[in-house]
Protein backbone atom coordinates (compact mmCIF):
# COMPACT_ATOMS: atom_id res chain seq x y z
CA MET A 1 0.00 0.00 0.00
CA ARG A 2 1.39 3.37 -1.03
CA VAL A 3 0.31 6.53 0.79
CA ALA A 4 1.15 10.06 -0.30
CA LEU A 5 3.04 11.73 2.55
CA GLU A 6 2.56 15.43 3.15
CA LEU A 7 5.44 17.85 3.53
CA ARG A 8 4.91 18.15 7.29
CA ASP A 9 5.12 14.35 7.63
CA PHE A 10 8.84 14.56 6.89
CA ALA A 11 9.22 16.79 9.97
CA LYS A 12 7.07 14.46 12.08
CA TYR A 13 8.92 11.30 11.02
CA PRO A 14 12.47 12.37 10.05
CA PHE A 15 13.75 8.78 10.32
CA LEU A 16 11.74 7.65 7.28
CA LYS A 17 13.65 7.11 4.03
CA GLU A 18 11.14 9.45 2.37
CA SER A 19 12.26 12.22 4.73
CA GLN A 20 15.89 11.64 3.79
CA GLN A 21 15.00 11.58 0.10
CA PHE A 22 13.19 14.89 0.55
CA MET A 23 16.41 16.41 1.90
CA GLY A 24 18.15 15.32 -1.31
CA ARG A 25 21.82 14.61 -1.83
CA ASN A 26 23.47 17.41 0.12
CA THR A 27 26.93 18.17 -1.19
CA ASP A 28 27.68 20.65 1.61
CA ILE A 29 30.46 19.65 3.97
CA ILE A 30 29.05 19.34 7.48
CA GLU A 31 31.61 21.84 8.81
CA GLU A 32 30.48 24.40 6.24
CA PHE A 33 26.81 23.73 7.00
CA LEU A 34 27.35 24.30 10.73
CA CYS A 35 28.87 27.70 9.99
CA SER A 36 26.05 28.74 7.63
CA SER A 37 22.91 30.61 8.68
CA PRO A 38 20.58 27.61 8.05
CA GLY A 39 23.09 25.40 9.86
CA LYS A 40 23.07 27.63 12.95
CA ILE A 41 19.27 27.58 13.02
CA ALA A 42 19.23 23.79 12.59
CA LEU A 43 21.78 23.48 15.40
CA ARG A 44 19.46 25.41 17.73
CA HIS A 45 16.65 23.01 16.80
CA ALA A 46 19.00 20.09 17.45
CA MET A 47 19.90 21.38 20.91
CA ASP A 48 16.19 21.86 21.70
CA ARG A 49 15.63 18.20 20.77
CA VAL A 50 18.43 16.93 22.98
CA ARG A 51 17.37 19.13 25.89
CA ALA A 52 13.83 17.80 25.54
CA ALA A 53 15.22 14.26 25.55
CA LEU A 54 16.83 14.91 28.94
CA ARG A 55 13.62 16.09 30.54
CA SER A 56 11.29 13.62 32.21
CA PRO A 57 8.59 12.15 29.90
CA GLY A 58 5.81 14.31 31.31
CA GLN A 59 7.77 17.48 30.47
CA GLN A 60 8.78 16.58 26.93
CA ASP A 61 5.83 18.05 25.03
CA ASP A 62 7.08 20.14 22.13
CA MET A 63 4.59 23.00 21.85
CA ARG A 64 5.96 24.35 18.59
CA ASP A 65 3.86 23.87 15.48
CA ILE A 66 5.11 21.30 13.02
CA PRO A 67 6.42 23.21 9.99
CA SER A 68 4.68 22.69 6.66
CA ASP A 69 6.81 24.92 4.42
CA ASN A 70 9.83 23.65 2.50
CA LEU A 71 12.49 25.57 4.46
CA GLY A 72 10.94 24.90 7.85
CA VAL A 73 10.74 21.17 7.20
CA LYS A 74 14.34 21.03 5.99
CA ILE A 75 15.55 22.83 9.11
CA SER A 76 13.50 20.48 11.31
CA VAL A 77 14.90 17.35 9.65
CA SER A 78 18.42 18.85 9.77
CA GLY A 79 17.88 19.44 13.50
CA TYR A 80 17.07 15.75 13.91
CA VAL A 81 20.26 14.79 12.07
CA LEU A 82 22.41 17.19 14.09
CA ALA A 83 20.90 15.99 17.38
CA ARG A 84 22.09 12.48 16.53
CA ILE A 85 25.52 13.83 15.68
CA ILE A 86 25.73 15.76 18.97
CA VAL A 87 24.94 12.76 21.19
CA SER A 88 27.26 10.59 19.09
CA CYS A 89 30.10 13.03 19.80
CA THR A 90 29.50 12.69 23.56
CA LYS A 91 30.09 8.92 23.28
CA ASP A 92 27.70 8.57 26.24
CA ARG A 93 25.33 5.60 25.85
CA SER A 94 22.92 7.08 28.39
CA LEU A 95 22.52 10.25 26.33
CA ILE A 96 22.15 8.22 23.14
CA GLU A 97 19.47 6.08 24.79
CA ARG A 98 17.63 9.18 26.00
CA LEU A 99 17.53 10.69 22.51
CA ALA A 100 16.35 7.45 20.90
CA ARG A 101 13.60 7.13 23.52
CA TYR A 102 12.53 10.76 23.04
CA GLU A 103 12.38 10.48 19.25
CA ALA A 104 10.34 7.28 19.55
CA GLN A 105 7.89 8.93 21.97
CA ARG A 106 7.65 12.00 19.72
CA ALA A 107 6.81 9.87 16.68
CA PHE A 108 4.34 7.85 18.77
CA ARG A 109 2.39 10.99 19.70
CA PHE A 110 1.95 11.81 16.02
CA LEU A 111 1.23 8.23 14.94
CA ILE A 112 -1.72 7.67 17.26
CA ASP A 113 -3.54 10.64 15.67
CA GLU A 114 -2.89 9.62 12.06
CA GLU A 115 -5.51 8.20 9.74
CA GLU A 116 -5.38 4.41 9.63
CA ASP A 117 -3.92 4.16 6.10
CA LYS A 118 -1.04 6.51 6.89
CA ARG A 119 -0.34 4.88 10.26
CA VAL A 120 -0.22 1.44 8.65
CA PHE A 121 2.08 2.75 5.91
CA ILE A 122 4.52 4.32 8.38
CA ALA A 123 4.44 1.19 10.54
CA GLY A 124 5.24 -0.87 7.45
CA SER A 125 8.17 1.44 6.71
CA ILE A 126 9.74 0.40 10.01
CA GLY A 127 9.00 -3.28 9.51
CA ILE A 128 5.67 -3.82 11.28
CA ASN A 129 2.39 -4.87 9.71
CA SER A 130 0.07 -3.09 12.12
CA ALA A 131 -3.07 -3.69 10.06
CA GLY A 132 -3.70 -7.01 11.79
CA ALA A 133 -4.17 -7.98 15.42
CA ASP A 134 -1.07 -10.13 15.78
CA LEU A 135 2.64 -10.36 15.04
CA PRO A 136 4.96 -13.28 14.21
CA VAL A 137 6.48 -14.72 17.40
CA ILE A 138 10.07 -14.03 16.29
CA GLN A 139 9.34 -10.40 15.45
CA TYR A 140 7.37 -9.92 18.66
CA VAL A 141 10.21 -11.29 20.80
CA GLU A 142 12.74 -9.03 19.08
CA ILE A 143 10.63 -5.91 19.62
CA VAL A 144 9.80 -6.52 23.30
CA ALA A 145 13.38 -7.45 24.28
CA GLY A 146 13.81 -4.04 25.89
CA LEU A 147 10.37 -3.99 27.58
CA HIS A 148 10.48 -5.40 31.08
CA GLU A 149 6.83 -5.30 32.14
CA GLU A 150 5.39 -8.73 32.88
CA ARG A 151 2.59 -8.31 30.35
CA TRP A 152 5.07 -8.40 27.47
CA ARG A 153 6.62 -11.74 28.43
CA LEU A 154 5.77 -14.40 25.86
CA VAL A 155 4.47 -16.79 28.55
CA ASN A 156 1.82 -14.20 29.39
CA ARG A 157 0.66 -13.75 25.79
CA ASP A 158 -1.97 -15.44 23.67
CA VAL A 159 0.03 -17.28 21.00
CA TRP A 160 -1.68 -19.09 18.13
CA ASN A 161 -0.22 -20.62 15.00
CA GLY A 162 3.13 -18.93 15.46
CA ARG A 163 1.66 -15.47 16.00
CA VAL A 164 1.18 -13.32 19.11
CA ARG A 165 -2.16 -11.57 19.52
CA VAL A 166 -1.82 -7.84 20.17
CA SER A 167 -4.50 -5.27 20.99
CA PRO A 168 -4.66 -1.98 19.02
CA VAL A 169 -3.31 -0.04 22.02
CA GLU A 170 -0.47 -2.51 22.45
CA MET A 171 0.30 -2.34 18.74
CA ASN A 172 0.85 1.42 19.09
CA GLU A 173 3.21 0.80 22.01
CA LEU A 174 5.12 -1.74 19.95
CA LEU A 175 5.41 0.76 17.11
CA ARG A 176 7.01 3.21 19.55
CA GLU A 177 9.42 0.53 20.78
CA GLN A 178 10.31 -0.47 17.21
CA VAL A 179 11.22 3.15 16.39
CA ARG A 180 13.38 3.30 19.52
CA VAL A 181 15.16 0.04 18.68
CA ILE A 182 15.83 1.11 15.08
CA LEU A 183 17.17 4.52 16.09
CA LEU A 184 19.31 3.06 18.85
CA ARG A 185 20.71 0.46 16.48
CA GLN A 186 21.96 3.28 14.21
CA LEU A 187 23.79 5.11 17.01
CA PRO A 188 26.43 6.23 17.75
CA LEU A 189 27.22 7.62 14.33
CA SER A 190 30.80 7.67 13.10
CA VAL A 191 31.47 11.40 13.31
CA PRO A 192 34.80 12.97 12.21
CA GLU A 193 36.80 14.48 15.06
CA THR A 194 36.82 17.83 13.23
CA VAL A 195 33.01 17.94 13.43
CA CYS A 196 32.98 16.92 17.10
CA GLY A 197 35.54 19.67 17.71
CA LEU A 198 33.19 22.27 16.25
CA LEU A 199 30.39 20.92 18.46
CA LEU A 200 32.38 21.01 21.73
CA PRO A 201 30.30 23.89 23.18
CA GLN A 202 27.11 21.94 22.47
CA THR A 203 28.36 18.58 23.76
CA GLY A 204 29.78 20.26 26.87
CA GLU A 205 26.45 21.96 27.58
CA ILE A 206 24.50 18.74 27.08
CA GLN A 207 26.80 16.68 29.31
CA GLY A 208 26.57 19.29 32.05
CA LEU A 209 22.78 19.43 31.71
CA PHE A 210 22.59 15.65 31.87
CA GLN A 211 24.59 15.56 35.10
CA GLN A 212 22.31 18.24 36.54
CA THR A 213 19.24 16.26 35.46
CA MET A 214 20.55 13.12 37.16
CA LEU A 215 21.20 15.05 40.37
CA GLU A 216 17.71 16.54 40.29
CA GLN A 217 16.11 13.14 39.74
CA PHE A 218 18.18 11.12 42.18
CA GLY A 219 20.66 13.39 43.97
CA ALA A 220 23.79 11.95 45.55
CA VAL A 221 23.63 8.17 45.96
CA GLU A 222 22.28 7.46 49.45
CA GLU A 223 22.02 3.83 50.47
CA ASP A 224 19.65 4.66 53.33
CA SER A 225 17.02 5.58 50.73
CA PHE A 226 17.35 2.30 48.83
CA PRO A 227 14.25 0.09 48.76
CA PRO A 228 14.47 -2.95 51.08
CA CYS A 229 15.17 -5.33 48.18
CA MET A 230 18.23 -3.36 47.07
CA GLN A 231 19.44 -2.90 50.64
CA SER A 232 19.23 -6.67 51.12
CA LEU A 233 21.14 -7.35 47.92
CA MET A 234 23.79 -4.78 48.89
CA ALA A 235 24.11 -6.32 52.36
CA ALA A 236 24.53 -9.80 50.89
CA LEU A 237 27.08 -8.59 48.38
CA THR A 238 29.21 -6.60 50.82
CA GLY A 239 28.95 -9.46 53.31
CA GLY A 240 30.66 -11.80 50.88
CA THR A 241 27.55 -13.78 49.95
CA ASN A 242 26.89 -14.90 46.40
CA ILE A 243 23.64 -13.46 45.05
CA PRO A 244 21.67 -14.98 42.14
CA HIS A 245 22.05 -13.74 38.59
CA ALA A 246 18.65 -11.98 38.70
CA GLY A 247 19.76 -10.20 41.86
CA ARG A 248 23.01 -9.05 40.28
CA PHE A 249 21.21 -7.76 37.23
CA ALA A 250 18.61 -5.91 39.33
CA LEU A 251 21.21 -4.35 41.65
CA THR A 252 23.58 -3.35 38.84
CA ALA A 253 20.80 -1.79 36.76
CA PHE A 254 19.41 0.02 39.81
CA LEU A 255 22.80 1.47 40.80
CA HIS A 256 23.46 2.56 37.22
CA ASN A 257 19.98 4.13 36.93
CA ILE A 258 20.54 6.29 40.02
CA GLY A 259 23.86 7.57 38.70
CA MET A 260 26.58 5.39 40.21
CA ALA A 261 29.66 5.13 38.00
CA ALA A 262 30.42 1.76 36.42
CA SER A 263 33.82 1.67 38.15
CA ASP A 264 32.15 2.10 41.57
CA ILE A 265 29.63 -0.65 40.81
CA ILE A 266 32.45 -3.00 39.80
CA ALA A 267 34.28 -2.19 43.05
CA LEU A 268 31.23 -3.36 45.04
CA TYR A 269 31.44 -6.81 43.48
CA CYS A 270 35.06 -7.35 44.55
CA ARG A 271 33.76 -8.78 47.85
CA ALA A 272 31.78 -11.51 46.11
CA PRO A 273 33.31 -14.99 46.63
CA ASP A 274 33.35 -15.67 42.88
CA PHE A 275 34.62 -12.20 41.87
CA ASP A 276 36.20 -12.13 38.42
CA ILE A 277 37.30 -8.65 37.34
CA SER A 278 37.04 -9.20 33.56
CA LYS A 279 33.66 -10.95 33.77
CA THR A 280 32.28 -8.38 36.22
CA GLN A 281 33.48 -5.47 34.10
CA TYR A 282 31.86 -6.95 31.02
CA GLN A 283 28.54 -7.58 32.78
CA VAL A 284 28.38 -4.14 34.42
CA GLU A 285 29.28 -2.30 31.22
CA HIS A 286 26.78 -4.42 29.27
CA ILE A 287 23.93 -3.54 31.64
CA SER A 288 25.07 0.12 31.73
CA GLY A 289 24.69 0.51 27.98
CA ARG A 290 27.95 -0.57 26.37
CA SER A 291 25.97 -3.22 24.47
CA GLY A 292 23.80 -0.57 22.85
CA THR A 293 20.88 -0.97 25.27
CA GLU A 294 20.76 0.76 28.63
CA TYR A 295 18.81 -1.50 30.98
CA THR A 296 16.38 -0.33 33.64
CA ALA A 297 16.03 -2.08 36.98
CA PRO A 298 13.17 -4.63 37.07
CA SER A 299 9.76 -3.56 38.34
CA CYS A 300 8.47 -4.68 41.73
CA ALA A 301 6.30 -7.30 40.00
CA ALA A 302 9.37 -8.70 38.25
CA MET A 303 11.35 -8.66 41.51
CA ARG A 304 8.62 -10.76 43.12
CA THR A 305 8.66 -13.16 40.16
CA TYR A 306 12.44 -13.57 40.52
CA GLY A 307 12.07 -14.18 44.25
CA ILE A 308 14.21 -11.19 45.23
CA CYS A 309 11.49 -8.89 46.63
CA ILE A 310 12.79 -9.00 50.20
CA ASN A 311 11.72 -7.30 53.45
CA SER A 312 9.02 -5.14 51.82
CA ASP A 313 7.73 -2.30 53.98
CA ALA A 314 4.66 -0.02 54.05
CA LEU A 315 5.99 2.21 51.27
CA CYS A 316 6.49 -0.83 49.03
CA GLU A 317 2.72 -1.35 49.05
CA LYS A 318 2.27 2.01 47.30
CA ILE A 319 5.16 1.67 44.85
CA ASN A 320 5.48 -0.32 41.63
CA HIS A 321 9.19 0.13 40.94
CA PRO A 322 12.40 0.29 43.04
CA LEU A 323 13.39 3.56 41.35
CA ASN A 324 10.07 5.13 42.38
CA TYR A 325 10.71 3.98 45.95
CA TYR A 326 14.14 5.63 45.89
CA ARG A 327 12.78 8.88 44.44
CA THR A 328 9.97 8.99 47.00
CA ARG A 329 12.31 8.39 49.94
CA LYS A 330 14.77 11.00 48.71
CA LYS A 331 12.02 13.61 48.27
CA LYS A 332 10.62 12.86 51.73
CA GLU A 333 14.03 13.16 53.37
CA LYS A 334 14.80 16.37 51.49
CA LYS A 335 11.47 17.85 52.60
CA GLN A 336 12.17 16.85 56.21
CA GLU A 337 15.65 18.41 56.05
CA SER A 338 14.20 21.61 54.58
CA GLY A 339 11.55 21.76 57.28
CA GLY A 340 14.11 21.11 59.96
CA SER A 341 16.43 23.84 58.74
CA THR A 342 13.53 26.29 58.54
CA GLY A 343 12.54 25.50 62.10
CA THR A 344 16.11 26.00 63.30
CA SER A 345 16.43 29.40 61.67
CA GLN A 346 13.25 30.61 63.36
CA SER A 347 14.18 29.48 66.85
């Protein structure tokens, strides 16, 4: 099925081959483009994209109108290209993952409002036949590999004749995940050092902003605010007790998610009876994003399934993820400290 895309569709879905074809074969050298007036405008758009990618999902709404004129669309698509170049120059897998996730969510917001024919066409362009109510098992498993909710596990799905049944809402979610996987697979780009040198002010700003974002979300790592499951795993590890593979994955992902450096996580494992520096380094770096996928700590439901939900407390009953527990505890402690300091100043 062939659908005629509108000009503004290239700005909405810049990853499509049609969007790249619209841009044409650009003979400009990237260094020259960055120094040109259109290049400077596109670079501002690129920085806006990366900044939006660093914000939490609820704050990522781009309120600007989607351009529909030739120049506006070209600048928008150029901004998408430059955003990928910027994060590639940082060589930071976490930043790359953030941008891929943002672009996937951005495309998803447009896709769910499209007419059925266009939505099916765009889905087909990224390798998914979304016209039906199921997907081949192999394709389904590949797409959901990075989704850790229990509902996506194949054992929890209705499988018939080699195909996995999927609801319309779930199909939209899988489209979003497919976009993320495709974009992540393409990154980091191989960018010449001369180009990265020109972009040093931008990469420096983004890296500083990312560190600030991590501090705002999680602050300094405080073990006292860890959920009981992570405290138990930490206690076992530092006490020289072997913990199961699921426990190691959960703890490593959790510590990485809250901002602990890979070298510090590796140092924690040196007390394990079966410590192997090369194996531990590989596993920690793999979970932290060196493999191309930055893993998130398992949800509380998954922790229970793995048998490592330990010593749950009253707050656990209101929380569905260890990271939410940590955020909640940190906010509560910060509020108590602020209240305490205010009371002291008034006395």
